[in-house]
Each structure stands twice: as structure tokens, then as C-alpha cells.
Amino acid sequence: MGPYDHRIGFALNNYGAIDGVHFATHCADSLVFHLFVNGHPAGLEQVYVGHGSTHPLSMPFTIDRSGVH
């Protein structure tokens, strides 16, 4: 979370297809994600990142311009 307490809330309803969110930032060097499913931290196996659909190594995880960390 940044110095201004920025948060984004969203709900994805899966009806048999793939749901996803695309983020684009022009001024931040990185984004930190701490995802929750039904109020509990998301399991790493529930999260797919990028074109290769890789799982993050930890929760929360950071994506910067060089990749997922």
C-alpha cells in the first residue's frame, strides 16, 4: 500500500471462462498485490500472473517492470 492508502476492490464472477484484470501504470515502478478470496488471503495456486500464467512465489507479491517478485 502506498503512502496514500490506495486500494482497489473488485469481484470476479466466473461462469466457466477465465476472468482477469489488466493493470497499466505510467508513473509507478512497481505494484504490490495482496489478494483475498472470500475474505481470506488467496492461495498461490489461485493466482495466475502474466501471459505465461505463472503463480506468484508469495502473497503479497510485487510486479515491477522486470517481472514478478
N, C-alpha and C. Protein backbone atom coordinates (compact mmCIF):
# COMPACT_ATOMS: atom_id res chain seq x y z
N MET A 1 0.84 -1.15 0.00
CA MET A 1 0.00 0.00 0.00
C MET A 1 0.89 1.23 0.00
N GLY A 2 0.54 2.18 -0.79
CA GLY A 2 1.34 3.39 -0.90
C GLY A 2 1.06 4.36 0.22
N PRO A 3 1.71 5.49 0.17
CA PRO A 3 1.55 6.48 1.24
C PRO A 3 0.15 7.08 1.29
N TYR A 4 -0.66 6.88 0.27
CA TYR A 4 -1.99 7.45 0.23
C TYR A 4 -3.09 6.41 0.44
N ASP A 5 -2.71 5.22 0.93
CA ASP A 5 -3.68 4.18 1.27
C ASP A 5 -4.55 3.79 0.07
N HIS A 6 -3.93 3.65 -1.11
CA HIS A 6 -4.67 3.29 -2.31
C HIS A 6 -5.04 1.82 -2.29
N ARG A 7 -6.30 1.53 -2.59
CA ARG A 7 -6.80 0.16 -2.66
C ARG A 7 -7.76 0.06 -3.83
N ILE A 8 -7.86 -1.13 -4.38
CA ILE A 8 -8.83 -1.40 -5.44
C ILE A 8 -9.61 -2.63 -5.01
N GLY A 9 -10.92 -2.53 -5.01
CA GLY A 9 -11.77 -3.67 -4.73
C GLY A 9 -12.45 -4.12 -6.00
N PHE A 10 -12.59 -5.43 -6.17
CA PHE A 10 -13.25 -5.94 -7.37
C PHE A 10 -13.83 -7.31 -7.07
N ALA A 11 -14.79 -7.70 -7.85
CA ALA A 11 -15.39 -9.03 -7.75
C ALA A 11 -15.39 -9.65 -9.14
N LEU A 12 -14.95 -10.91 -9.22
CA LEU A 12 -14.96 -11.64 -10.48
C LEU A 12 -15.91 -12.82 -10.34
N ASN A 13 -16.90 -12.87 -11.20
CA ASN A 13 -17.85 -13.98 -11.22
C ASN A 13 -17.51 -14.87 -12.39
N ASN A 14 -17.09 -16.08 -12.11
CA ASN A 14 -16.65 -16.99 -13.15
C ASN A 14 -17.82 -17.87 -13.59
N TYR A 15 -18.17 -17.76 -14.85
CA TYR A 15 -19.25 -18.57 -15.42
C TYR A 15 -18.68 -19.57 -16.42
N GLY A 16 -17.54 -20.18 -16.07
CA GLY A 16 -16.94 -21.19 -16.91
C GLY A 16 -15.84 -20.69 -17.82
N ALA A 17 -15.54 -19.42 -17.78
CA ALA A 17 -14.47 -18.87 -18.60
C ALA A 17 -13.37 -18.32 -17.68
N ILE A 18 -12.37 -17.74 -18.27
CA ILE A 18 -11.28 -17.15 -17.50
C ILE A 18 -11.61 -15.70 -17.21
N ASP A 19 -11.47 -15.31 -15.95
CA ASP A 19 -11.65 -13.92 -15.56
C ASP A 19 -10.28 -13.33 -15.27
N GLY A 20 -10.15 -12.06 -15.49
CA GLY A 20 -8.86 -11.44 -15.21
C GLY A 20 -8.98 -9.93 -15.14
N VAL A 21 -7.91 -9.33 -14.71
CA VAL A 21 -7.82 -7.89 -14.59
C VAL A 21 -6.51 -7.45 -15.23
N HIS A 22 -6.57 -6.42 -16.03
CA HIS A 22 -5.38 -5.87 -16.67
C HIS A 22 -5.06 -4.54 -16.01
N PHE A 23 -3.82 -4.41 -15.53
CA PHE A 23 -3.38 -3.16 -14.91
C PHE A 23 -2.34 -2.50 -15.80
N ALA A 24 -2.46 -1.20 -15.96
CA ALA A 24 -1.44 -0.43 -16.66
C ALA A 24 -1.13 0.79 -15.81
N THR A 25 0.14 1.02 -15.58
CA THR A 25 0.55 2.19 -14.82
C THR A 25 1.64 2.92 -15.60
N HIS A 26 1.59 4.21 -15.54
CA HIS A 26 2.55 5.00 -16.28
C HIS A 26 3.55 5.70 -15.37
N CYS A 27 3.26 5.77 -14.09
CA CYS A 27 4.15 6.51 -13.20
C CYS A 27 4.78 5.65 -12.11
N ALA A 28 4.23 4.49 -11.81
CA ALA A 28 4.77 3.64 -10.74
C ALA A 28 5.80 2.67 -11.30
N ASP A 29 6.87 2.45 -10.54
CA ASP A 29 7.87 1.47 -10.94
C ASP A 29 7.42 0.05 -10.65
N SER A 30 6.48 -0.11 -9.68
CA SER A 30 6.02 -1.44 -9.31
C SER A 30 4.64 -1.36 -8.68
N LEU A 31 3.98 -2.52 -8.62
CA LEU A 31 2.69 -2.65 -7.94
C LEU A 31 2.78 -3.84 -7.00
N VAL A 32 2.23 -3.69 -5.79
CA VAL A 32 2.19 -4.78 -4.82
C VAL A 32 0.75 -5.28 -4.75
N PHE A 33 0.58 -6.60 -4.83
CA PHE A 33 -0.73 -7.21 -4.79
C PHE A 33 -0.85 -8.09 -3.56
N HIS A 34 -1.90 -7.87 -2.79
CA HIS A 34 -2.25 -8.75 -1.67
C HIS A 34 -3.71 -9.10 -1.91
N LEU A 35 -3.95 -10.28 -2.49
CA LEU A 35 -5.28 -10.66 -2.96
C LEU A 35 -5.99 -11.54 -1.94
N PHE A 36 -7.30 -11.37 -1.87
CA PHE A 36 -8.14 -12.12 -0.94
C PHE A 36 -9.27 -12.79 -1.71
N VAL A 37 -9.65 -13.97 -1.27
CA VAL A 37 -10.80 -14.69 -1.82
C VAL A 37 -11.74 -14.97 -0.65
N ASN A 38 -12.95 -14.43 -0.74
CA ASN A 38 -13.94 -14.58 0.33
C ASN A 38 -13.40 -14.16 1.69
N GLY A 39 -12.62 -13.08 1.71
CA GLY A 39 -12.11 -12.53 2.95
C GLY A 39 -10.85 -13.17 3.48
N HIS A 40 -10.29 -14.16 2.77
CA HIS A 40 -9.08 -14.85 3.21
C HIS A 40 -7.98 -14.65 2.17
N PRO A 41 -6.71 -14.60 2.60
CA PRO A 41 -5.65 -14.44 1.61
C PRO A 41 -5.74 -15.52 0.52
N ALA A 42 -5.61 -15.09 -0.71
CA ALA A 42 -5.68 -16.02 -1.84
C ALA A 42 -4.53 -17.00 -1.79
N GLY A 43 -4.80 -18.26 -2.11
CA GLY A 43 -3.74 -19.26 -2.23
C GLY A 43 -2.95 -19.00 -3.49
N LEU A 44 -1.67 -19.30 -3.45
CA LEU A 44 -0.82 -19.05 -4.61
C LEU A 44 -1.33 -19.79 -5.84
N GLU A 45 -1.93 -20.97 -5.63
CA GLU A 45 -2.46 -21.75 -6.76
C GLU A 45 -3.70 -21.11 -7.37
N GLN A 46 -4.28 -20.13 -6.71
CA GLN A 46 -5.47 -19.44 -7.22
C GLN A 46 -5.11 -18.23 -8.07
N VAL A 47 -3.85 -17.86 -8.09
CA VAL A 47 -3.42 -16.62 -8.76
C VAL A 47 -2.53 -16.98 -9.95
N TYR A 48 -2.86 -16.43 -11.09
CA TYR A 48 -2.09 -16.61 -12.31
C TYR A 48 -1.68 -15.23 -12.81
N VAL A 49 -0.39 -15.06 -13.08
CA VAL A 49 0.13 -13.75 -13.44
C VAL A 49 0.76 -13.79 -14.83
N GLY A 50 0.38 -12.83 -15.64
CA GLY A 50 1.02 -12.63 -16.93
C GLY A 50 0.62 -13.61 -18.01
N HIS A 51 1.22 -13.40 -19.16
CA HIS A 51 0.91 -14.19 -20.34
C HIS A 51 1.21 -15.68 -20.13
N GLY A 52 2.24 -15.98 -19.33
CA GLY A 52 2.61 -17.36 -19.05
C GLY A 52 1.81 -17.99 -17.93
N SER A 53 0.90 -17.24 -17.32
CA SER A 53 0.04 -17.73 -16.23
C SER A 53 0.84 -18.38 -15.10
N THR A 54 1.89 -17.72 -14.67
CA THR A 54 2.70 -18.24 -13.57
C THR A 54 2.07 -17.87 -12.23
N HIS A 55 2.32 -18.69 -11.23
CA HIS A 55 1.86 -18.40 -9.88
C HIS A 55 2.91 -17.54 -9.18
N PRO A 56 2.49 -16.59 -8.36
CA PRO A 56 3.48 -15.85 -7.58
C PRO A 56 4.14 -16.78 -6.56
N LEU A 57 5.30 -16.38 -6.06
CA LEU A 57 6.02 -17.19 -5.08
C LEU A 57 5.60 -16.90 -3.65
N SER A 58 4.91 -15.78 -3.45
CA SER A 58 4.47 -15.40 -2.10
C SER A 58 3.26 -14.50 -2.21
N MET A 59 2.61 -14.29 -1.08
CA MET A 59 1.48 -13.37 -1.02
C MET A 59 1.72 -12.48 0.18
N PRO A 60 1.81 -11.19 0.07
CA PRO A 60 1.64 -10.42 -1.17
C PRO A 60 2.82 -10.62 -2.12
N PHE A 61 2.63 -10.18 -3.37
CA PHE A 61 3.69 -10.25 -4.36
C PHE A 61 3.78 -8.92 -5.09
N THR A 62 4.93 -8.68 -5.68
CA THR A 62 5.21 -7.42 -6.36
C THR A 62 5.47 -7.68 -7.83
N ILE A 63 4.91 -6.85 -8.66
CA ILE A 63 5.22 -6.87 -10.09
C ILE A 63 5.89 -5.55 -10.41
N ASP A 64 7.11 -5.63 -10.94
CA ASP A 64 7.75 -4.42 -11.40
C ASP A 64 8.01 -4.56 -12.89
N ARG A 65 8.63 -3.60 -13.45
CA ARG A 65 8.79 -3.58 -14.91
C ARG A 65 9.67 -4.72 -15.42
N SER A 66 10.40 -5.41 -14.51
CA SER A 66 11.24 -6.54 -14.94
C SER A 66 10.60 -7.89 -14.71
N GLY A 67 9.46 -7.95 -13.98
CA GLY A 67 8.79 -9.22 -13.76
C GLY A 67 8.10 -9.31 -12.42
N VAL A 68 7.77 -10.54 -12.01
CA VAL A 68 7.04 -10.81 -10.77
C VAL A 68 8.05 -11.18 -9.69
N HIS A 69 7.88 -10.61 -8.50
CA HIS A 69 8.78 -10.89 -7.37
C HIS A 69 7.99 -11.18 -6.12
